[in-house]
Amino acid sequence: MAVHLGAWLPLLWLIGDAAAGRLSVNPIQDLTLRTGKTALALLTLSLAATPANALFRFRPAIKARRALGLYAFGYALLHLGIFVGLDYGFDLRLIGLELVEKRFVLAGFAAFLILLPLAITSTRGWQRRLGRRWKRLHRWVYIAAILAAAHYIWLDKDHAGEPLLWAAAIALLLLIRLRKRFLMINDFSTGHFHEGLAREVNRSEQAKSSRP
């Protein structure tokens, strides 16, 4: 319940500010920026769910992970819709020029294209259909998060403090993930080495016992 309330609150606040005329002289920019920041925040929180459970045994984080990811996609979709519809009036030629000329637009669009199949395949049904491929597909969320952070940094280079904080948080979560994966691979390799060594010792003992 808290996750849903927390995810809806920024949108309700934004609607309230717009209705009360509390947005700046550039309301479309406000709408775009605030929906984008909320999408990035929710995406980062979804990435933090697994480390929160692994490091602090905080099980509710795992239960909230899917909802956080879907809300992040919802805000990203709204962010893109405001950009394409309100800001550019669905002018595909102008949007195409922006994609070519501005790297922050390209990074944001690429992040959205990655999040799209992840949102579609987030259900248990898709998880069963894809099997092992599901986990491989959903690891792309880290690439989407990196692109989203780059999108924010390149958008506001003159005030990069907050975007860099989000980028640092994502980098830290990625390092935790990579460390965990490295330890799993290392444990697997060590286990196989010990099994092989034990087999060789057993063979040697059997060979000795079979000698006259």
C-alpha atoms as a PDB file:
ATOM      1  CA  MET A   1       0.000   0.000   0.000  1.00  0.00           C
ATOM      2  CA  ALA A   2       2.809   2.406   0.936  1.00  0.00           C
ATOM      3  CA  VAL A   3       4.533   1.754  -2.403  1.00  0.00           C
ATOM      4  CA  HIS A   4       1.394   2.579  -4.398  1.00  0.00           C
ATOM      5  CA  LEU A   5       0.679   5.690  -2.336  1.00  0.00           C
ATOM      6  CA  GLY A   6       4.284   6.868  -2.649  1.00  0.00           C
ATOM      7  CA  ALA A   7       4.277   6.269  -6.406  1.00  0.00           C
ATOM      8  CA  TRP A   8       1.003   8.131  -7.006  1.00  0.00           C
ATOM      9  CA  LEU A   9       1.842  11.077  -4.751  1.00  0.00           C
ATOM     10  CA  PRO A  10       4.244  12.889  -7.166  1.00  0.00           C
ATOM     11  CA  LEU A  11       1.637  12.736  -9.945  1.00  0.00           C
ATOM     12  CA  LEU A  12      -1.156  14.002  -7.705  1.00  0.00           C
ATOM     13  CA  TRP A  13       1.120  16.768  -6.458  1.00  0.00           C
ATOM     14  CA  LEU A  14       1.998  17.707 -10.029  1.00  0.00           C
ATOM     15  CA  ILE A  15      -1.677  17.803 -11.048  1.00  0.00           C
ATOM     16  CA  GLY A  16      -2.459  19.934  -7.995  1.00  0.00           C
ATOM     17  CA  ASP A  17       0.333  22.394  -8.821  1.00  0.00           C
ATOM     18  CA  ALA A  18      -0.833  22.618 -12.434  1.00  0.00           C
ATOM     19  CA  ALA A  19      -4.474  23.167 -11.426  1.00  0.00           C
ATOM     20  CA  ALA A  20      -3.509  25.839  -8.882  1.00  0.00           C
ATOM     21  CA  GLY A  21      -1.209  27.636 -11.326  1.00  0.00           C
ATOM     22  CA  ARG A  22       1.892  26.924  -9.242  1.00  0.00           C
ATOM     23  CA  LEU A  23       4.048  25.822 -12.178  1.00  0.00           C
ATOM     24  CA  SER A  24       6.725  28.100 -13.617  1.00  0.00           C
ATOM     25  CA  VAL A  25       6.422  30.359 -16.670  1.00  0.00           C
ATOM     26  CA  ASN A  26       7.350  27.245 -18.690  1.00  0.00           C
ATOM     27  CA  PRO A  27       4.787  24.693 -17.457  1.00  0.00           C
ATOM     28  CA  ILE A  28       5.586  22.090 -20.129  1.00  0.00           C
ATOM     29  CA  GLN A  29       9.209  22.063 -19.015  1.00  0.00           C
ATOM     30  CA  ASP A  30       8.065  21.598 -15.408  1.00  0.00           C
ATOM     31  CA  LEU A  31       5.821  18.688 -16.382  1.00  0.00           C
ATOM     32  CA  THR A  32       8.586  17.053 -18.402  1.00  0.00           C
ATOM     33  CA  LEU A  33      11.257  17.471 -15.748  1.00  0.00           C
ATOM     34  CA  ARG A  34       9.167  16.338 -12.800  1.00  0.00           C
ATOM     35  CA  THR A  35       7.799  13.217 -14.485  1.00  0.00           C
ATOM     36  CA  GLY A  36      11.304  12.319 -15.674  1.00  0.00           C
ATOM     37  CA  LYS A  37      12.829  12.756 -12.216  1.00  0.00           C
ATOM     38  CA  THR A  38      10.097  10.626 -10.659  1.00  0.00           C
ATOM     39  CA  ALA A  39      10.669   7.887 -13.255  1.00  0.00           C
ATOM     40  CA  LEU A  40      14.410   7.877 -12.483  1.00  0.00           C
ATOM     41  CA  ALA A  41      13.801   7.819  -8.722  1.00  0.00           C
ATOM     42  CA  LEU A  42      11.386   4.878  -8.940  1.00  0.00           C
ATOM     43  CA  LEU A  43      13.682   2.998 -11.314  1.00  0.00           C
ATOM     44  CA  THR A  44      16.600   3.440  -8.899  1.00  0.00           C
ATOM     45  CA  LEU A  45      14.456   2.251  -5.985  1.00  0.00           C
ATOM     46  CA  SER A  46      13.490  -0.854  -7.970  1.00  0.00           C
ATOM     47  CA  LEU A  47      17.193  -1.614  -8.469  1.00  0.00           C
ATOM     48  CA  ALA A  48      17.804  -1.138  -4.736  1.00  0.00           C
ATOM     49  CA  ALA A  49      15.223  -3.784  -3.792  1.00  0.00           C
ATOM     50  CA  THR A  50      17.477  -6.826  -4.255  1.00  0.00           C
ATOM     51  CA  PRO A  51      20.493  -5.356  -2.374  1.00  0.00           C
ATOM     52  CA  ALA A  52      18.153  -4.218   0.438  1.00  0.00           C
ATOM     53  CA  ASN A  53      16.970  -7.797   0.849  1.00  0.00           C
ATOM     54  CA  ALA A  54      20.424  -9.359   0.453  1.00  0.00           C
ATOM     55  CA  LEU A  55      22.266  -6.974   2.792  1.00  0.00           C
ATOM     56  CA  PHE A  56      19.579  -6.142   5.364  1.00  0.00           C
ATOM     57  CA  ARG A  57      17.113  -9.061   5.025  1.00  0.00           C
ATOM     58  CA  PHE A  58      14.391  -6.561   4.128  1.00  0.00           C
ATOM     59  CA  ARG A  59      11.929  -8.908   2.426  1.00  0.00           C
ATOM     60  CA  PRO A  60       9.245  -6.267   1.664  1.00  0.00           C
ATOM     61  CA  ALA A  61      11.686  -4.702  -0.812  1.00  0.00           C
ATOM     62  CA  ILE A  62      11.501  -7.791  -3.045  1.00  0.00           C
ATOM     63  CA  LYS A  63       7.701  -7.697  -2.990  1.00  0.00           C
ATOM     64  CA  ALA A  64       7.765  -4.015  -3.981  1.00  0.00           C
ATOM     65  CA  ARG A  65      10.334  -4.409  -6.778  1.00  0.00           C
ATOM     66  CA  ARG A  66       7.934  -5.212  -9.623  1.00  0.00           C
ATOM     67  CA  ALA A  67       5.495  -2.439  -8.664  1.00  0.00           C
ATOM     68  CA  LEU A  68       8.319   0.100  -8.458  1.00  0.00           C
ATOM     69  CA  GLY A  69       9.571  -0.928 -11.895  1.00  0.00           C
ATOM     70  CA  LEU A  70       6.113  -0.658 -13.446  1.00  0.00           C
ATOM     71  CA  TYR A  71       5.486   2.741 -11.870  1.00  0.00           C
ATOM     72  CA  ALA A  72       8.883   3.869 -13.178  1.00  0.00           C
ATOM     73  CA  PHE A  73       7.808   2.794 -16.665  1.00  0.00           C
ATOM     74  CA  GLY A  74       4.469   4.576 -16.235  1.00  0.00           C
ATOM     75  CA  TYR A  75       6.167   7.852 -15.372  1.00  0.00           C
ATOM     76  CA  ALA A  76       8.661   7.348 -18.219  1.00  0.00           C
ATOM     77  CA  LEU A  77       5.732   6.853 -20.617  1.00  0.00           C
ATOM     78  CA  LEU A  78       4.077  10.016 -19.300  1.00  0.00           C
ATOM     79  CA  HIS A  79       7.402  11.870 -19.568  1.00  0.00           C
ATOM     80  CA  LEU A  80       7.783  10.781 -23.196  1.00  0.00           C
ATOM     81  CA  GLY A  81       4.147  11.612 -23.965  1.00  0.00           C
ATOM     82  CA  ILE A  82       4.561  15.165 -22.651  1.00  0.00           C
ATOM     83  CA  PHE A  83       7.744  15.594 -24.678  1.00  0.00           C
ATOM     84  CA  VAL A  84       6.272  14.205 -27.904  1.00  0.00           C
ATOM     85  CA  GLY A  85       2.732  15.560 -27.574  1.00  0.00           C
ATOM     86  CA  LEU A  86       2.784  18.798 -25.589  1.00  0.00           C
ATOM     87  CA  ASP A  87       6.299  19.990 -26.355  1.00  0.00           C
ATOM     88  CA  TYR A  88       6.603  18.941 -30.017  1.00  0.00           C
ATOM     89  CA  GLY A  89       2.962  18.553 -31.040  1.00  0.00           C
ATOM     90  CA  PHE A  90       3.610  15.040 -32.434  1.00  0.00           C
ATOM     91  CA  ASP A  91       5.842  16.542 -35.136  1.00  0.00           C
ATOM     92  CA  LEU A  92       7.886  13.454 -36.023  1.00  0.00           C
ATOM     93  CA  ARG A  93      10.285  15.417 -38.237  1.00  0.00           C
ATOM     94  CA  LEU A  94      11.264  17.745 -35.393  1.00  0.00           C
ATOM     95  CA  ILE A  95      11.496  14.844 -32.962  1.00  0.00           C
ATOM     96  CA  GLY A  96      13.756  12.997 -35.420  1.00  0.00           C
ATOM     97  CA  LEU A  97      16.031  16.034 -35.639  1.00  0.00           C
ATOM     98  CA  GLU A  98      16.213  16.181 -31.841  1.00  0.00           C
ATOM     99  CA  LEU A  99      17.209  12.514 -31.730  1.00  0.00           C
ATOM    100  CA  VAL A 100      20.031  13.151 -34.192  1.00  0.00           C
ATOM    101  CA  GLU A 101      21.270  16.439 -32.779  1.00  0.00           C
ATOM    102  CA  LYS A 102      20.837  16.068 -29.011  1.00  0.00           C
ATOM    103  CA  ARG A 103      22.418  13.149 -27.219  1.00  0.00           C
ATOM    104  CA  PHE A 104      20.272  13.558 -24.095  1.00  0.00           C
ATOM    105  CA  VAL A 105      17.157  12.950 -26.219  1.00  0.00           C
ATOM    106  CA  LEU A 106      18.727   9.858 -27.795  1.00  0.00           C
ATOM    107  CA  ALA A 107      19.777   8.483 -24.385  1.00  0.00           C
ATOM    108  CA  GLY A 108      16.301   9.010 -22.949  1.00  0.00           C
ATOM    109  CA  PHE A 109      14.594   7.419 -25.926  1.00  0.00           C
ATOM    110  CA  ALA A 110      16.964   4.419 -25.785  1.00  0.00           C
ATOM    111  CA  ALA A 111      16.235   3.985 -22.066  1.00  0.00           C
ATOM    112  CA  PHE A 112      12.495   3.976 -22.780  1.00  0.00           C
ATOM    113  CA  LEU A 113      12.862   1.405 -25.577  1.00  0.00           C
ATOM    114  CA  ILE A 114      14.644  -0.908 -23.125  1.00  0.00           C
ATOM    115  CA  LEU A 115      12.033  -0.412 -20.405  1.00  0.00           C
ATOM    116  CA  LEU A 116       9.153  -1.162 -22.802  1.00  0.00           C
ATOM    117  CA  PRO A 117       9.785  -4.935 -23.230  1.00  0.00           C
ATOM    118  CA  LEU A 118      10.711  -5.211 -19.546  1.00  0.00           C
ATOM    119  CA  ALA A 119       7.316  -3.788 -18.558  1.00  0.00           C
ATOM    120  CA  ILE A 120       5.475  -6.028 -21.045  1.00  0.00           C
ATOM    121  CA  THR A 121       7.244  -9.183 -19.806  1.00  0.00           C
ATOM    122  CA  SER A 122       7.011  -8.371 -16.089  1.00  0.00           C
ATOM    123  CA  THR A 123       4.122 -10.796 -15.471  1.00  0.00           C
ATOM    124  CA  ARG A 124       4.486 -14.321 -14.075  1.00  0.00           C
ATOM    125  CA  GLY A 125       3.094 -15.686 -17.337  1.00  0.00           C
ATOM    126  CA  TRP A 126       5.917 -14.147 -19.339  1.00  0.00           C
ATOM    127  CA  GLN A 127       8.398 -15.304 -16.717  1.00  0.00           C
ATOM    128  CA  ARG A 128       7.243 -18.904 -17.244  1.00  0.00           C
ATOM    129  CA  ARG A 129       7.276 -18.559 -21.052  1.00  0.00           C
ATOM    130  CA  LEU A 130      10.781 -17.128 -21.219  1.00  0.00           C
ATOM    131  CA  GLY A 131      12.325 -19.341 -18.538  1.00  0.00           C
ATOM    132  CA  ARG A 132      16.021 -18.597 -18.058  1.00  0.00           C
ATOM    133  CA  ARG A 133      15.899 -15.961 -20.778  1.00  0.00           C
ATOM    134  CA  TRP A 134      13.626 -13.842 -18.558  1.00  0.00           C
ATOM    135  CA  LYS A 135      16.427 -13.067 -16.101  1.00  0.00           C
ATOM    136  CA  ARG A 136      18.863 -12.280 -18.909  1.00  0.00           C
ATOM    137  CA  LEU A 137      16.325  -9.917 -20.476  1.00  0.00           C
ATOM    138  CA  HIS A 138      15.565  -8.123 -17.222  1.00  0.00           C
ATOM    139  CA  ARG A 139      19.240  -7.487 -16.484  1.00  0.00           C
ATOM    140  CA  TRP A 140      18.926  -4.842 -19.196  1.00  0.00           C
ATOM    141  CA  VAL A 141      17.225  -2.676 -16.575  1.00  0.00           C
ATOM    142  CA  TYR A 142      20.720  -1.623 -15.469  1.00  0.00           C
ATOM    143  CA  ILE A 143      21.497  -0.387 -18.983  1.00  0.00           C
ATOM    144  CA  ALA A 144      18.201   1.509 -19.002  1.00  0.00           C
ATOM    145  CA  ALA A 145      19.060   3.110 -15.652  1.00  0.00           C
ATOM    146  CA  ILE A 146      22.524   4.155 -16.860  1.00  0.00           C
ATOM    147  CA  LEU A 147      21.013   5.685 -20.004  1.00  0.00           C
ATOM    148  CA  ALA A 148      18.341   7.460 -17.935  1.00  0.00           C
ATOM    149  CA  ALA A 149      21.011   8.949 -15.657  1.00  0.00           C
ATOM    150  CA  ALA A 150      23.052  10.052 -18.694  1.00  0.00           C
ATOM    151  CA  HIS A 151      19.877  11.581 -20.166  1.00  0.00           C
ATOM    152  CA  TYR A 152      19.403  13.651 -17.007  1.00  0.00           C
ATOM    153  CA  ILE A 153      23.074  14.700 -16.758  1.00  0.00           C
ATOM    154  CA  TRP A 154      23.274  15.803 -20.405  1.00  0.00           C
ATOM    155  CA  LEU A 155      19.926  17.593 -20.123  1.00  0.00           C
ATOM    156  CA  ASP A 156      21.028  19.794 -17.224  1.00  0.00           C
ATOM    157  CA  LYS A 157      24.814  20.101 -17.525  1.00  0.00           C
ATOM    158  CA  ASP A 158      24.829  23.483 -15.749  1.00  0.00           C
ATOM    159  CA  HIS A 159      23.186  21.993 -12.636  1.00  0.00           C
ATOM    160  CA  ALA A 160      24.606  18.480 -12.671  1.00  0.00           C
ATOM    161  CA  GLY A 161      24.716  17.975  -8.883  1.00  0.00           C
ATOM    162  CA  GLU A 162      21.422  16.112  -8.519  1.00  0.00           C
ATOM    163  CA  PRO A 163      21.787  14.102 -11.763  1.00  0.00           C
ATOM    164  CA  LEU A 164      25.265  13.001 -10.655  1.00  0.00           C
ATOM    165  CA  LEU A 165      23.891  11.826  -7.302  1.00  0.00           C
ATOM    166  CA  TRP A 166      21.395   9.607  -9.105  1.00  0.00           C
ATOM    167  CA  ALA A 167      24.156   8.342 -11.391  1.00  0.00           C
ATOM    168  CA  ALA A 168      26.341   7.542  -8.356  1.00  0.00           C
ATOM    169  CA  ALA A 169      23.483   5.635  -6.699  1.00  0.00           C
ATOM    170  CA  ILE A 170      22.911   3.577  -9.860  1.00  0.00           C
ATOM    171  CA  ALA A 171      26.658   2.910 -10.203  1.00  0.00           C
ATOM    172  CA  LEU A 172      26.799   1.702  -6.584  1.00  0.00           C
ATOM    173  CA  LEU A 173      23.838  -0.636  -7.093  1.00  0.00           C
ATOM    174  CA  LEU A 174      25.432  -1.990 -10.269  1.00  0.00           C
ATOM    175  CA  LEU A 175      28.717  -2.639  -8.421  1.00  0.00           C
ATOM    176  CA  ILE A 176      26.836  -4.509  -5.682  1.00  0.00           C
ATOM    177  CA  ARG A 177      25.130  -6.603  -8.347  1.00  0.00           C
ATOM    178  CA  LEU A 178      28.394  -7.350 -10.167  1.00  0.00           C
ATOM    179  CA  ARG A 179      30.155  -8.234  -6.905  1.00  0.00           C
ATOM    180  CA  LYS A 180      27.388 -10.666  -6.000  1.00  0.00           C
ATOM    181  CA  ARG A 181      27.578 -12.265  -9.444  1.00  0.00           C
ATOM    182  CA  PHE A 182      31.371 -12.519  -9.238  1.00  0.00           C
ATOM    183  CA  LEU A 183      31.142 -14.212  -5.827  1.00  0.00           C
ATOM    184  CA  MET A 184      28.558 -16.675  -7.148  1.00  0.00           C
ATOM    185  CA  ILE A 185      30.779 -17.564 -10.120  1.00  0.00           C
ATOM    186  CA  ASN A 186      33.810 -17.836  -7.839  1.00  0.00           C
ATOM    187  CA  ASP A 187      31.957 -20.101  -5.387  1.00  0.00           C
ATOM    188  CA  PHE A 188      30.752 -22.260  -8.290  1.00  0.00           C
ATOM    189  CA  SER A 189      34.281 -22.562  -9.706  1.00  0.00           C
ATOM    190  CA  THR A 190      35.771 -23.290  -6.271  1.00  0.00           C
ATOM    191  CA  GLY A 191      33.135 -25.940  -5.635  1.00  0.00           C
ATOM    192  CA  HIS A 192      33.920 -27.655  -8.933  1.00  0.00           C
ATOM    193  CA  PHE A 193      37.646 -27.491  -8.158  1.00  0.00           C
ATOM    194  CA  HIS A 194      37.143 -29.134  -4.751  1.00  0.00           C
ATOM    195  CA  GLU A 195      34.876 -31.795  -6.253  1.00  0.00           C
ATOM    196  CA  GLY A 196      37.489 -32.575  -8.898  1.00  0.00           C
ATOM    197  CA  LEU A 197      40.255 -32.689  -6.294  1.00  0.00           C
ATOM    198  CA  ALA A 198      38.204 -35.038  -4.111  1.00  0.00           C
ATOM    199  CA  ARG A 199      37.612 -37.340  -7.093  1.00  0.00           C
ATOM    200  CA  GLU A 200      41.347 -37.441  -7.855  1.00  0.00           C
ATOM    201  CA  VAL A 201      42.156 -38.246  -4.212  1.00  0.00           C
ATOM    202  CA  ASN A 202      39.567 -41.044  -4.213  1.00  0.00           C
ATOM    203  CA  ARG A 203      40.980 -42.485  -7.438  1.00  0.00           C
ATOM    204  CA  SER A 204      44.479 -42.365  -5.967  1.00  0.00           C
ATOM    205  CA  GLU A 205      43.341 -44.108  -2.782  1.00  0.00           C
ATOM    206  CA  GLN A 206      41.493 -46.766  -4.784  1.00  0.00           C
ATOM    207  CA  ALA A 207      44.562 -47.354  -6.957  1.00  0.00           C
ATOM    208  CA  LYS A 208      46.747 -47.804  -3.873  1.00  0.00           C
ATOM    209  CA  SER A 209      44.305 -50.205  -2.215  1.00  0.00           C
ATOM    210  CA  SER A 210      44.060 -52.335  -5.380  1.00  0.00           C
ATOM    211  CA  ARG A 211      47.816 -52.901  -5.545  1.00  0.00           C
ATOM    212  CA  PRO A 212      49.049 -56.352  -4.360  1.00  0.00           C
END
